[in-house]
Amino acid sequence: MNSKVSHNPVLVTGVERSGSTIIARILTMCGMWAGSCNNMLENTMIHSLHYEELPQTIFPQTKNITIPANWNDLITNQIQSEGWSGQPWFVKGGILSQYWPVWNYAYPDAKWLIIRRRTGDIIQSCMKTGYMRKFKDTETLKLLNLEKEEDGWLWLIHQYENKFVEMIQAGLNCRVIWPERMVTGNFEQIYETIKWLGLEWNKNIPEVIAPLLDKSRR
Protein backbone atom coordinates (compact mmCIF):
# COMPACT_ATOMS: atom_id res chain seq x y z
CA MET A 1 0.00 0.00 0.00
CA ASN A 2 1.20 3.51 -0.76
CA SER A 3 2.29 4.94 2.61
CA LYS A 4 0.91 8.38 1.70
CA VAL A 5 -2.66 7.07 1.68
CA SER A 6 -4.47 6.77 5.01
CA HIS A 7 -7.30 4.41 5.86
CA ASN A 8 -9.74 7.28 5.47
CA PRO A 9 -11.85 6.95 2.33
CA VAL A 10 -11.93 9.15 -0.71
CA LEU A 11 -15.55 10.26 -1.07
CA VAL A 12 -16.72 10.96 -4.62
CA THR A 13 -19.97 12.85 -5.12
CA GLY A 14 -21.79 14.89 -7.74
CA VAL A 15 -25.09 15.44 -9.49
CA GLU A 16 -26.38 12.61 -11.64
CA ARG A 17 -24.82 12.55 -15.13
CA SER A 18 -21.95 14.80 -14.04
CA GLY A 19 -19.15 12.32 -14.81
CA SER A 20 -18.55 10.84 -11.37
CA THR A 21 -18.51 7.28 -12.75
CA ILE A 22 -15.65 8.19 -15.07
CA ILE A 23 -13.70 9.63 -12.14
CA ALA A 24 -14.42 6.49 -10.12
CA ARG A 25 -13.12 4.39 -13.02
CA ILE A 26 -9.89 6.38 -12.98
CA LEU A 27 -9.52 5.79 -9.24
CA THR A 28 -9.82 2.04 -9.72
CA MET A 29 -7.22 2.20 -12.47
CA CYS A 30 -4.88 3.88 -9.98
CA GLY A 31 -5.31 1.07 -7.48
CA MET A 32 -8.18 2.15 -5.26
CA TRP A 33 -10.59 -0.40 -3.80
CA ALA A 34 -14.36 0.13 -4.11
CA GLY A 35 -15.85 -3.16 -2.92
CA SER A 36 -19.02 -4.74 -4.26
CA CYS A 37 -20.21 -2.18 -6.81
CA ASN A 38 -22.86 -1.90 -9.48
CA ASN A 39 -22.03 -0.82 -13.03
CA MET A 40 -21.96 2.81 -11.86
CA LEU A 41 -19.18 1.89 -9.40
CA GLU A 42 -21.43 2.59 -6.41
CA ASN A 43 -21.14 0.20 -3.49
CA THR A 44 -24.68 -1.13 -3.27
CA MET A 45 -24.41 -2.41 0.31
CA ILE A 46 -22.94 0.83 1.64
CA HIS A 47 -25.69 2.78 -0.09
CA SER A 48 -28.30 0.49 1.45
CA LEU A 49 -27.05 1.66 4.86
CA HIS A 50 -28.11 5.20 3.97
CA TYR A 51 -31.67 4.04 3.45
CA GLU A 52 -31.71 1.81 6.52
CA GLU A 53 -30.04 4.14 9.01
CA LEU A 54 -30.86 7.69 7.87
CA PRO A 55 -34.07 9.69 7.32
CA GLN A 56 -35.29 9.82 3.73
CA THR A 57 -36.91 12.82 2.05
CA ILE A 58 -36.89 14.19 -1.48
CA PHE A 59 -33.73 16.00 -0.44
CA PRO A 60 -32.72 15.97 3.24
CA GLN A 61 -31.97 19.16 5.12
CA THR A 62 -28.43 18.74 6.42
CA LYS A 63 -28.90 20.88 9.50
CA ASN A 64 -31.63 18.57 10.86
CA ILE A 65 -29.85 15.25 10.38
CA THR A 66 -29.27 13.10 13.46
CA ILE A 67 -25.76 11.70 13.04
CA PRO A 68 -25.35 8.02 13.98
CA ALA A 69 -22.34 7.72 16.28
CA ASN A 70 -21.60 4.23 14.94
CA TRP A 71 -21.40 5.12 11.24
CA ASN A 72 -17.65 4.40 11.11
CA ASP A 73 -18.26 0.96 12.65
CA LEU A 74 -21.09 0.21 10.21
CA ILE A 75 -18.97 1.11 7.20
CA THR A 76 -15.88 -0.70 8.52
CA ASN A 77 -17.85 -3.87 9.15
CA GLN A 78 -19.37 -3.72 5.69
CA ILE A 79 -16.15 -3.17 3.73
CA GLN A 80 -14.30 -5.81 5.74
CA SER A 81 -17.06 -8.28 4.91
CA GLU A 82 -16.41 -7.46 1.23
CA GLY A 83 -12.71 -8.19 1.50
CA TRP A 84 -11.17 -4.81 2.31
CA SER A 85 -7.83 -5.31 4.06
CA GLY A 86 -6.45 -1.82 4.57
CA GLN A 87 -5.76 -0.72 1.00
CA PRO A 88 -6.74 2.74 -0.32
CA TRP A 89 -10.51 2.83 -0.85
CA PHE A 90 -13.28 5.10 -2.06
CA VAL A 91 -17.05 5.42 -1.90
CA LYS A 92 -18.93 7.07 -4.75
CA GLY A 93 -22.46 8.45 -4.94
CA GLY A 94 -24.52 11.61 -5.08
CA ILE A 95 -26.15 10.63 -1.80
CA LEU A 96 -22.86 11.26 0.02
CA SER A 97 -23.29 15.01 -0.39
CA GLN A 98 -26.81 14.80 0.99
CA TYR A 99 -25.48 13.29 4.21
CA TRP A 100 -22.03 14.84 4.28
CA PRO A 101 -22.13 15.62 8.07
CA VAL A 102 -22.58 11.90 8.76
CA TRP A 103 -19.51 10.98 6.71
CA ASN A 104 -17.53 13.92 8.03
CA TYR A 105 -18.25 12.88 11.62
CA ALA A 106 -17.10 9.32 10.93
CA TYR A 107 -14.13 10.29 8.73
CA PRO A 108 -13.08 13.89 9.48
CA ASP A 109 -9.80 13.42 7.58
CA ALA A 110 -11.39 11.99 4.43
CA LYS A 111 -10.71 13.62 1.08
CA TRP A 112 -13.72 14.61 -1.03
CA LEU A 113 -14.01 14.85 -4.79
CA ILE A 114 -16.91 17.04 -5.91
CA ILE A 115 -17.68 16.30 -9.56
CA ARG A 116 -19.15 19.17 -11.59
CA ARG A 117 -20.64 19.66 -15.03
CA ARG A 118 -22.39 22.56 -16.70
CA THR A 119 -26.03 22.81 -15.62
CA GLY A 120 -27.53 22.75 -19.12
CA ASP A 121 -25.51 19.69 -20.07
CA ILE A 122 -26.65 17.82 -16.96
CA ILE A 123 -30.30 18.64 -17.62
CA GLN A 124 -30.15 17.53 -21.24
CA SER A 125 -28.32 14.33 -20.34
CA CYS A 126 -30.81 13.47 -17.60
CA MET A 127 -33.81 14.09 -19.85
CA LYS A 128 -32.54 11.87 -22.66
CA THR A 129 -31.33 9.03 -20.39
CA GLY A 130 -34.05 6.40 -20.16
CA TYR A 131 -33.57 5.33 -16.55
CA MET A 132 -33.49 8.91 -15.23
CA ARG A 133 -37.19 9.08 -14.40
CA LYS A 134 -37.19 11.07 -11.15
CA PHE A 135 -39.11 14.00 -12.61
CA LYS A 136 -41.22 12.24 -15.21
CA ASP A 137 -43.74 11.66 -12.42
CA THR A 138 -46.19 14.57 -12.37
CA GLU A 139 -46.95 13.94 -8.69
CA THR A 140 -43.32 14.62 -7.78
CA LEU A 141 -43.40 17.84 -9.79
CA LYS A 142 -46.62 18.95 -8.08
CA LEU A 143 -45.08 18.26 -4.67
CA LEU A 144 -42.31 20.71 -5.55
CA ASN A 145 -44.65 23.22 -7.22
CA LEU A 146 -42.95 22.64 -10.56
CA GLU A 147 -44.45 22.16 -14.00
CA LYS A 148 -41.91 20.51 -16.31
CA GLU A 149 -39.34 17.74 -16.09
CA GLU A 150 -36.64 20.25 -16.98
CA ASP A 151 -37.66 22.35 -13.97
CA GLY A 152 -37.30 19.30 -11.75
CA TRP A 153 -33.74 18.61 -12.82
CA LEU A 154 -32.83 22.28 -12.38
CA TRP A 155 -34.30 22.16 -8.87
CA LEU A 156 -32.26 19.06 -8.06
CA ILE A 157 -29.02 20.58 -9.36
CA HIS A 158 -29.57 23.59 -7.11
CA GLN A 159 -30.04 21.30 -4.09
CA TYR A 160 -26.72 19.63 -4.84
CA GLU A 161 -25.01 22.97 -5.34
CA ASN A 162 -26.27 24.10 -1.94
CA LYS A 163 -24.70 21.00 -0.39
CA PHE A 164 -21.41 21.60 -2.19
CA VAL A 165 -21.31 25.14 -0.77
CA GLU A 166 -22.05 23.79 2.72
CA MET A 167 -19.23 21.26 2.41
CA ILE A 168 -16.68 23.83 1.29
CA GLN A 169 -17.74 26.39 3.89
CA ALA A 170 -17.52 23.72 6.61
CA GLY A 171 -13.86 23.23 5.70
CA LEU A 172 -14.04 19.70 4.30
CA ASN A 173 -10.92 18.63 2.43
CA CYS A 174 -12.43 18.97 -1.05
CA ARG A 175 -11.34 19.17 -4.64
CA VAL A 176 -13.73 20.16 -7.41
CA ILE A 177 -13.29 18.15 -10.61
CA TRP A 178 -14.62 19.00 -14.09
CA PRO A 179 -14.42 15.78 -16.19
CA GLU A 180 -15.44 17.67 -19.34
CA ARG A 181 -11.90 19.08 -19.48
CA MET A 182 -10.71 15.61 -20.41
CA VAL A 183 -12.94 15.64 -23.50
CA THR A 184 -10.42 17.94 -25.18
CA GLY A 185 -7.48 15.85 -23.97
CA ASN A 186 -6.71 17.97 -20.89
CA PHE A 187 -5.97 15.46 -18.11
CA GLU A 188 -4.00 17.91 -15.95
CA GLN A 189 -6.68 18.37 -13.29
CA ILE A 190 -7.29 14.67 -12.73
CA TYR A 191 -3.54 13.97 -12.88
CA GLU A 192 -2.94 16.49 -10.08
CA THR A 193 -5.83 14.99 -8.13
CA ILE A 194 -4.38 11.49 -8.34
CA LYS A 195 -1.10 12.82 -6.95
CA TRP A 196 -3.01 14.72 -4.22
CA LEU A 197 -4.57 11.41 -3.19
CA GLY A 198 -1.11 9.84 -2.89
CA LEU A 199 -1.69 7.45 -5.77
CA GLU A 200 0.39 6.56 -8.81
CA TRP A 201 -0.84 7.80 -12.19
CA ASN A 202 -1.74 5.01 -14.61
CA LYS A 203 -0.36 5.96 -18.02
CA ASN A 204 -3.16 4.02 -19.75
CA ILE A 205 -5.86 6.34 -18.40
CA PRO A 206 -6.17 8.65 -21.45
CA GLU A 207 -6.51 5.70 -23.83
CA VAL A 208 -9.08 3.88 -21.67
CA ILE A 209 -11.12 6.91 -20.63
CA ALA A 210 -11.37 8.65 -24.02
CA PRO A 211 -14.09 6.28 -25.37
CA LEU A 212 -16.10 6.72 -22.16
CA LEU A 213 -15.91 10.49 -22.51
CA ASP A 214 -17.02 10.25 -26.12
CA LYS A 215 -20.01 8.12 -25.10
CA SER A 216 -20.95 10.52 -22.32
CA ARG A 217 -21.24 13.41 -24.82
CA ARG A 218 -23.90 11.65 -26.89
C-alpha atoms as a PDB file:
ATOM      1  CA  MET A   1       0.000   0.000   0.000  1.00  0.00           C
ATOM      2  CA  ASN A   2       1.203   3.514  -0.761  1.00  0.00           C
ATOM      3  CA  SER A   3       2.285   4.937   2.607  1.00  0.00           C
ATOM      4  CA  LYS A   4       0.913   8.375   1.699  1.00  0.00           C
ATOM      5  CA  VAL A   5      -2.656   7.068   1.675  1.00  0.00           C
ATOM      6  CA  SER A   6      -4.470   6.769   5.008  1.00  0.00           C
ATOM      7  CA  HIS A   7      -7.300   4.410   5.856  1.00  0.00           C
ATOM      8  CA  ASN A   8      -9.736   7.280   5.468  1.00  0.00           C
ATOM      9  CA  PRO A   9     -11.846   6.949   2.331  1.00  0.00           C
ATOM     10  CA  VAL A  10     -11.927   9.150  -0.712  1.00  0.00           C
ATOM     11  CA  LEU A  11     -15.555  10.260  -1.069  1.00  0.00           C
ATOM     12  CA  VAL A  12     -16.723  10.958  -4.616  1.00  0.00           C
ATOM     13  CA  THR A  13     -19.970  12.850  -5.124  1.00  0.00           C
ATOM     14  CA  GLY A  14     -21.790  14.889  -7.744  1.00  0.00           C
ATOM     15  CA  VAL A  15     -25.089  15.444  -9.493  1.00  0.00           C
ATOM     16  CA  GLU A  16     -26.382  12.607 -11.638  1.00  0.00           C
ATOM     17  CA  ARG A  17     -24.823  12.551 -15.130  1.00  0.00           C
ATOM     18  CA  SER A  18     -21.945  14.795 -14.043  1.00  0.00           C
ATOM     19  CA  GLY A  19     -19.153  12.317 -14.808  1.00  0.00           C
ATOM     20  CA  SER A  20     -18.551  10.839 -11.371  1.00  0.00           C
ATOM     21  CA  THR A  21     -18.510   7.277 -12.753  1.00  0.00           C
ATOM     22  CA  ILE A  22     -15.646   8.185 -15.075  1.00  0.00           C
ATOM     23  CA  ILE A  23     -13.701   9.629 -12.143  1.00  0.00           C
ATOM     24  CA  ALA A  24     -14.418   6.486 -10.120  1.00  0.00           C
ATOM     25  CA  ARG A  25     -13.121   4.386 -13.024  1.00  0.00           C
ATOM     26  CA  ILE A  26      -9.894   6.376 -12.982  1.00  0.00           C
ATOM     27  CA  LEU A  27      -9.521   5.788  -9.243  1.00  0.00           C
ATOM     28  CA  THR A  28      -9.821   2.038  -9.721  1.00  0.00           C
ATOM     29  CA  MET A  29      -7.216   2.205 -12.475  1.00  0.00           C
ATOM     30  CA  CYS A  30      -4.883   3.877  -9.979  1.00  0.00           C
ATOM     31  CA  GLY A  31      -5.307   1.068  -7.480  1.00  0.00           C
ATOM     32  CA  MET A  32      -8.178   2.154  -5.257  1.00  0.00           C
ATOM     33  CA  TRP A  33     -10.592  -0.401  -3.802  1.00  0.00           C
ATOM     34  CA  ALA A  34     -14.359   0.127  -4.110  1.00  0.00           C
ATOM     35  CA  GLY A  35     -15.849  -3.164  -2.921  1.00  0.00           C
ATOM     36  CA  SER A  36     -19.019  -4.742  -4.260  1.00  0.00           C
ATOM     37  CA  CYS A  37     -20.208  -2.183  -6.813  1.00  0.00           C
ATOM     38  CA  ASN A  38     -22.865  -1.898  -9.480  1.00  0.00           C
ATOM     39  CA  ASN A  39     -22.033  -0.819 -13.029  1.00  0.00           C
ATOM     40  CA  MET A  40     -21.963   2.813 -11.861  1.00  0.00           C
ATOM     41  CA  LEU A  41     -19.184   1.890  -9.401  1.00  0.00           C
ATOM     42  CA  GLU A  42     -21.426   2.591  -6.415  1.00  0.00           C
ATOM     43  CA  ASN A  43     -21.136   0.200  -3.494  1.00  0.00           C
ATOM     44  CA  THR A  44     -24.681  -1.131  -3.266  1.00  0.00           C
ATOM     45  CA  MET A  45     -24.406  -2.406   0.307  1.00  0.00           C
ATOM     46  CA  ILE A  46     -22.940   0.835   1.644  1.00  0.00           C
ATOM     47  CA  HIS A  47     -25.694   2.777  -0.092  1.00  0.00           C
ATOM     48  CA  SER A  48     -28.295   0.494   1.451  1.00  0.00           C
ATOM     49  CA  LEU A  49     -27.053   1.657   4.860  1.00  0.00           C
ATOM     50  CA  HIS A  50     -28.115   5.200   3.971  1.00  0.00           C
ATOM     51  CA  TYR A  51     -31.671   4.041   3.446  1.00  0.00           C
ATOM     52  CA  GLU A  52     -31.712   1.807   6.518  1.00  0.00           C
ATOM     53  CA  GLU A  53     -30.041   4.143   9.007  1.00  0.00           C
ATOM     54  CA  LEU A  54     -30.860   7.695   7.875  1.00  0.00           C
ATOM     55  CA  PRO A  55     -34.071   9.687   7.324  1.00  0.00           C
ATOM     56  CA  GLN A  56     -35.292   9.820   3.729  1.00  0.00           C
ATOM     57  CA  THR A  57     -36.912  12.818   2.055  1.00  0.00           C
ATOM     58  CA  ILE A  58     -36.887  14.194  -1.482  1.00  0.00           C
ATOM     59  CA  PHE A  59     -33.726  15.999  -0.444  1.00  0.00           C
ATOM     60  CA  PRO A  60     -32.718  15.965   3.243  1.00  0.00           C
ATOM     61  CA  GLN A  61     -31.968  19.155   5.124  1.00  0.00           C
ATOM     62  CA  THR A  62     -28.428  18.739   6.418  1.00  0.00           C
ATOM     63  CA  LYS A  63     -28.899  20.882   9.499  1.00  0.00           C
ATOM     64  CA  ASN A  64     -31.627  18.572  10.857  1.00  0.00           C
ATOM     65  CA  ILE A  65     -29.850  15.248  10.380  1.00  0.00           C
ATOM     66  CA  THR A  66     -29.268  13.102  13.456  1.00  0.00           C
ATOM     67  CA  ILE A  67     -25.759  11.700  13.039  1.00  0.00           C
ATOM     68  CA  PRO A  68     -25.350   8.019  13.977  1.00  0.00           C
ATOM     69  CA  ALA A  69     -22.335   7.720  16.282  1.00  0.00           C
ATOM     70  CA  ASN A  70     -21.596   4.233  14.938  1.00  0.00           C
ATOM     71  CA  TRP A  71     -21.397   5.123  11.235  1.00  0.00           C
ATOM     72  CA  ASN A  72     -17.650   4.401  11.105  1.00  0.00           C
ATOM     73  CA  ASP A  73     -18.263   0.963  12.649  1.00  0.00           C
ATOM     74  CA  LEU A  74     -21.094   0.212  10.214  1.00  0.00           C
ATOM     75  CA  ILE A  75     -18.966   1.114   7.196  1.00  0.00           C
ATOM     76  CA  THR A  76     -15.880  -0.697   8.517  1.00  0.00           C
ATOM     77  CA  ASN A  77     -17.855  -3.873   9.151  1.00  0.00           C
ATOM     78  CA  GLN A  78     -19.367  -3.715   5.686  1.00  0.00           C
ATOM     79  CA  ILE A  79     -16.155  -3.168   3.729  1.00  0.00           C
ATOM     80  CA  GLN A  80     -14.301  -5.810   5.742  1.00  0.00           C
ATOM     81  CA  SER A  81     -17.059  -8.277   4.912  1.00  0.00           C
ATOM     82  CA  GLU A  82     -16.415  -7.459   1.232  1.00  0.00           C
ATOM     83  CA  GLY A  83     -12.708  -8.193   1.503  1.00  0.00           C
ATOM     84  CA  TRP A  84     -11.169  -4.809   2.308  1.00  0.00           C
ATOM     85  CA  SER A  85      -7.833  -5.311   4.064  1.00  0.00           C
ATOM     86  CA  GLY A  86      -6.453  -1.820   4.570  1.00  0.00           C
ATOM     87  CA  GLN A  87      -5.756  -0.723   1.000  1.00  0.00           C
ATOM     88  CA  PRO A  88      -6.743   2.745  -0.318  1.00  0.00           C
ATOM     89  CA  TRP A  89     -10.512   2.832  -0.852  1.00  0.00           C
ATOM     90  CA  PHE A  90     -13.284   5.096  -2.060  1.00  0.00           C
ATOM     91  CA  VAL A  91     -17.047   5.420  -1.902  1.00  0.00           C
ATOM     92  CA  LYS A  92     -18.929   7.068  -4.753  1.00  0.00           C
ATOM     93  CA  GLY A  93     -22.458   8.445  -4.936  1.00  0.00           C
ATOM     94  CA  GLY A  94     -24.519  11.606  -5.083  1.00  0.00           C
ATOM     95  CA  ILE A  95     -26.148  10.629  -1.799  1.00  0.00           C
ATOM     96  CA  LEU A  96     -22.856  11.256   0.016  1.00  0.00           C
ATOM     97  CA  SER A  97     -23.286  15.012  -0.393  1.00  0.00           C
ATOM     98  CA  GLN A  98     -26.809  14.796   0.990  1.00  0.00           C
ATOM     99  CA  TYR A  99     -25.480  13.289   4.212  1.00  0.00           C
ATOM    100  CA  TRP A 100     -22.033  14.845   4.281  1.00  0.00           C
ATOM    101  CA  PRO A 101     -22.125  15.623   8.071  1.00  0.00           C
ATOM    102  CA  VAL A 102     -22.580  11.897   8.759  1.00  0.00           C
ATOM    103  CA  TRP A 103     -19.513  10.983   6.708  1.00  0.00           C
ATOM    104  CA  ASN A 104     -17.529  13.921   8.034  1.00  0.00           C
ATOM    105  CA  TYR A 105     -18.252  12.884  11.622  1.00  0.00           C
ATOM    106  CA  ALA A 106     -17.102   9.323  10.926  1.00  0.00           C
ATOM    107  CA  TYR A 107     -14.132  10.293   8.731  1.00  0.00           C
ATOM    108  CA  PRO A 108     -13.082  13.893   9.480  1.00  0.00           C
ATOM    109  CA  ASP A 109      -9.800  13.416   7.579  1.00  0.00           C
ATOM    110  CA  ALA A 110     -11.390  11.990   4.431  1.00  0.00           C
ATOM    111  CA  LYS A 111     -10.714  13.625   1.079  1.00  0.00           C
ATOM    112  CA  TRP A 112     -13.720  14.609  -1.027  1.00  0.00           C
ATOM    113  CA  LEU A 113     -14.006  14.854  -4.792  1.00  0.00           C
ATOM    114  CA  ILE A 114     -16.914  17.038  -5.913  1.00  0.00           C
ATOM    115  CA  ILE A 115     -17.685  16.305  -9.560  1.00  0.00           C
ATOM    116  CA  ARG A 116     -19.149  19.173 -11.588  1.00  0.00           C
ATOM    117  CA  ARG A 117     -20.635  19.663 -15.032  1.00  0.00           C
ATOM    118  CA  ARG A 118     -22.393  22.560 -16.704  1.00  0.00           C
ATOM    119  CA  THR A 119     -26.026  22.811 -15.622  1.00  0.00           C
ATOM    120  CA  GLY A 120     -27.533  22.753 -19.117  1.00  0.00           C
ATOM    121  CA  ASP A 121     -25.506  19.692 -20.072  1.00  0.00           C
ATOM    122  CA  ILE A 122     -26.650  17.824 -16.963  1.00  0.00           C
ATOM    123  CA  ILE A 123     -30.302  18.642 -17.625  1.00  0.00           C
ATOM    124  CA  GLN A 124     -30.149  17.533 -21.245  1.00  0.00           C
ATOM    125  CA  SER A 125     -28.318  14.333 -20.336  1.00  0.00           C
ATOM    126  CA  CYS A 126     -30.812  13.469 -17.602  1.00  0.00           C
ATOM    127  CA  MET A 127     -33.805  14.093 -19.854  1.00  0.00           C
ATOM    128  CA  LYS A 128     -32.539  11.866 -22.663  1.00  0.00           C
ATOM    129  CA  THR A 129     -31.335   9.034 -20.390  1.00  0.00           C
ATOM    130  CA  GLY A 130     -34.045   6.401 -20.161  1.00  0.00           C
ATOM    131  CA  TYR A 131     -33.570   5.329 -16.555  1.00  0.00           C
ATOM    132  CA  MET A 132     -33.493   8.909 -15.228  1.00  0.00           C
ATOM    133  CA  ARG A 133     -37.194   9.079 -14.404  1.00  0.00           C
ATOM    134  CA  LYS A 134     -37.189  11.070 -11.150  1.00  0.00           C
ATOM    135  CA  PHE A 135     -39.107  14.005 -12.610  1.00  0.00           C
ATOM    136  CA  LYS A 136     -41.217  12.241 -15.209  1.00  0.00           C
ATOM    137  CA  ASP A 137     -43.745  11.658 -12.415  1.00  0.00           C
ATOM    138  CA  THR A 138     -46.188  14.571 -12.365  1.00  0.00           C
ATOM    139  CA  GLU A 139     -46.947  13.943  -8.685  1.00  0.00           C
ATOM    140  CA  THR A 140     -43.323  14.622  -7.777  1.00  0.00           C
ATOM    141  CA  LEU A 141     -43.398  17.844  -9.787  1.00  0.00           C
ATOM    142  CA  LYS A 142     -46.618  18.946  -8.076  1.00  0.00           C
ATOM    143  CA  LEU A 143     -45.082  18.264  -4.673  1.00  0.00           C
ATOM    144  CA  LEU A 144     -42.307  20.708  -5.545  1.00  0.00           C
ATOM    145  CA  ASN A 145     -44.650  23.220  -7.216  1.00  0.00           C
ATOM    146  CA  LEU A 146     -42.950  22.636 -10.560  1.00  0.00           C
ATOM    147  CA  GLU A 147     -44.453  22.163 -14.003  1.00  0.00           C
ATOM    148  CA  LYS A 148     -41.907  20.512 -16.312  1.00  0.00           C
ATOM    149  CA  GLU A 149     -39.338  17.736 -16.091  1.00  0.00           C
ATOM    150  CA  GLU A 150     -36.638  20.251 -16.978  1.00  0.00           C
ATOM    151  CA  ASP A 151     -37.661  22.354 -13.966  1.00  0.00           C
ATOM    152  CA  GLY A 152     -37.297  19.296 -11.753  1.00  0.00           C
ATOM    153  CA  TRP A 153     -33.735  18.615 -12.818  1.00  0.00           C
ATOM    154  CA  LEU A 154     -32.831  22.275 -12.378  1.00  0.00           C
ATOM    155  CA  TRP A 155     -34.296  22.164  -8.867  1.00  0.00           C
ATOM    156  CA  LEU A 156     -32.259  19.056  -8.058  1.00  0.00           C
ATOM    157  CA  ILE A 157     -29.018  20.575  -9.357  1.00  0.00           C
ATOM    158  CA  HIS A 158     -29.566  23.593  -7.115  1.00  0.00           C
ATOM    159  CA  GLN A 159     -30.044  21.299  -4.094  1.00  0.00           C
ATOM    160  CA  TYR A 160     -26.725  19.634  -4.838  1.00  0.00           C
ATOM    161  CA  GLU A 161     -25.011  22.970  -5.342  1.00  0.00           C
ATOM    162  CA  ASN A 162     -26.265  24.103  -1.936  1.00  0.00           C
ATOM    163  CA  LYS A 163     -24.701  21.002  -0.388  1.00  0.00           C
ATOM    164  CA  PHE A 164     -21.414  21.602  -2.193  1.00  0.00           C
ATOM    165  CA  VAL A 165     -21.306  25.137  -0.766  1.00  0.00           C
ATOM    166  CA  GLU A 166     -22.048  23.788   2.717  1.00  0.00           C
ATOM    167  CA  MET A 167     -19.228  21.263   2.415  1.00  0.00           C
ATOM    168  CA  ILE A 168     -16.680  23.829   1.286  1.00  0.00           C
ATOM    169  CA  GLN A 169     -17.737  26.393   3.885  1.00  0.00           C
ATOM    170  CA  ALA A 170     -17.516  23.717   6.607  1.00  0.00           C
ATOM    171  CA  GLY A 171     -13.860  23.232   5.701  1.00  0.00           C
ATOM    172  CA  LEU A 172     -14.043  19.701   4.302  1.00  0.00           C
ATOM    173  CA  ASN A 173     -10.922  18.633   2.432  1.00  0.00           C
ATOM    174  CA  CYS A 174     -12.426  18.965  -1.050  1.00  0.00           C
ATOM    175  CA  ARG A 175     -11.337  19.173  -4.639  1.00  0.00           C
ATOM    176  CA  VAL A 176     -13.730  20.161  -7.408  1.00  0.00           C
ATOM    177  CA  ILE A 177     -13.288  18.146 -10.611  1.00  0.00           C
ATOM    178  CA  TRP A 178     -14.618  18.999 -14.088  1.00  0.00           C
ATOM    179  CA  PRO A 179     -14.424  15.783 -16.188  1.00  0.00           C
ATOM    180  CA  GLU A 180     -15.441  17.672 -19.337  1.00  0.00           C
ATOM    181  CA  ARG A 181     -11.898  19.082 -19.477  1.00  0.00           C
ATOM    182  CA  MET A 182     -10.706  15.611 -20.413  1.00  0.00           C
ATOM    183  CA  VAL A 183     -12.942  15.644 -23.504  1.00  0.00           C
ATOM    184  CA  THR A 184     -10.420  17.940 -25.185  1.00  0.00           C
ATOM    185  CA  GLY A 185      -7.483  15.853 -23.966  1.00  0.00           C
ATOM    186  CA  ASN A 186      -6.710  17.969 -20.894  1.00  0.00           C
ATOM    187  CA  PHE A 187      -5.974  15.459 -18.111  1.00  0.00           C
ATOM    188  CA  GLU A 188      -4.003  17.909 -15.950  1.00  0.00           C
ATOM    189  CA  GLN A 189      -6.678  18.373 -13.290  1.00  0.00           C
ATOM    190  CA  ILE A 190      -7.287  14.669 -12.732  1.00  0.00           C
ATOM    191  CA  TYR A 191      -3.537  13.970 -12.879  1.00  0.00           C
ATOM    192  CA  GLU A 192      -2.940  16.493 -10.084  1.00  0.00           C
ATOM    193  CA  THR A 193      -5.831  14.995  -8.133  1.00  0.00           C
ATOM    194  CA  ILE A 194      -4.384  11.493  -8.337  1.00  0.00           C
ATOM    195  CA  LYS A 195      -1.102  12.821  -6.949  1.00  0.00           C
ATOM    196  CA  TRP A 196      -3.006  14.717  -4.219  1.00  0.00           C
ATOM    197  CA  LEU A 197      -4.571  11.411  -3.193  1.00  0.00           C
ATOM    198  CA  GLY A 198      -1.105   9.843  -2.890  1.00  0.00           C
ATOM    199  CA  LEU A 199      -1.694   7.451  -5.774  1.00  0.00           C
ATOM    200  CA  GLU A 200       0.392   6.556  -8.806  1.00  0.00           C
ATOM    201  CA  TRP A 201      -0.836   7.798 -12.188  1.00  0.00           C
ATOM    202  CA  ASN A 202      -1.738   5.010 -14.610  1.00  0.00           C
ATOM    203  CA  LYS A 203      -0.358   5.957 -18.020  1.00  0.00           C
ATOM    204  CA  ASN A 204      -3.159   4.017 -19.751  1.00  0.00           C
ATOM    205  CA  ILE A 205      -5.864   6.340 -18.396  1.00  0.00           C
ATOM    206  CA  PRO A 206      -6.169   8.645 -21.450  1.00  0.00           C
ATOM    207  CA  GLU A 207      -6.514   5.703 -23.834  1.00  0.00           C
ATOM    208  CA  VAL A 208      -9.077   3.880 -21.673  1.00  0.00           C
ATOM    209  CA  ILE A 209     -11.121   6.909 -20.627  1.00  0.00           C
ATOM    210  CA  ALA A 210     -11.365   8.645 -24.023  1.00  0.00           C
ATOM    211  CA  PRO A 211     -14.094   6.275 -25.369  1.00  0.00           C
ATOM    212  CA  LEU A 212     -16.103   6.717 -22.159  1.00  0.00           C
ATOM    213  CA  LEU A 213     -15.907  10.494 -22.513  1.00  0.00           C
ATOM    214  CA  ASP A 214     -17.025  10.248 -26.119  1.00  0.00           C
ATOM    215  CA  LYS A 215     -20.006   8.124 -25.096  1.00  0.00           C
ATOM    216  CA  SER A 216     -20.947  10.519 -22.323  1.00  0.00           C
ATOM    217  CA  ARG A 217     -21.235  13.408 -24.823  1.00  0.00           C
ATOM    218  CA  ARG A 218     -23.898  11.651 -26.889  1.00  0.00           C
END
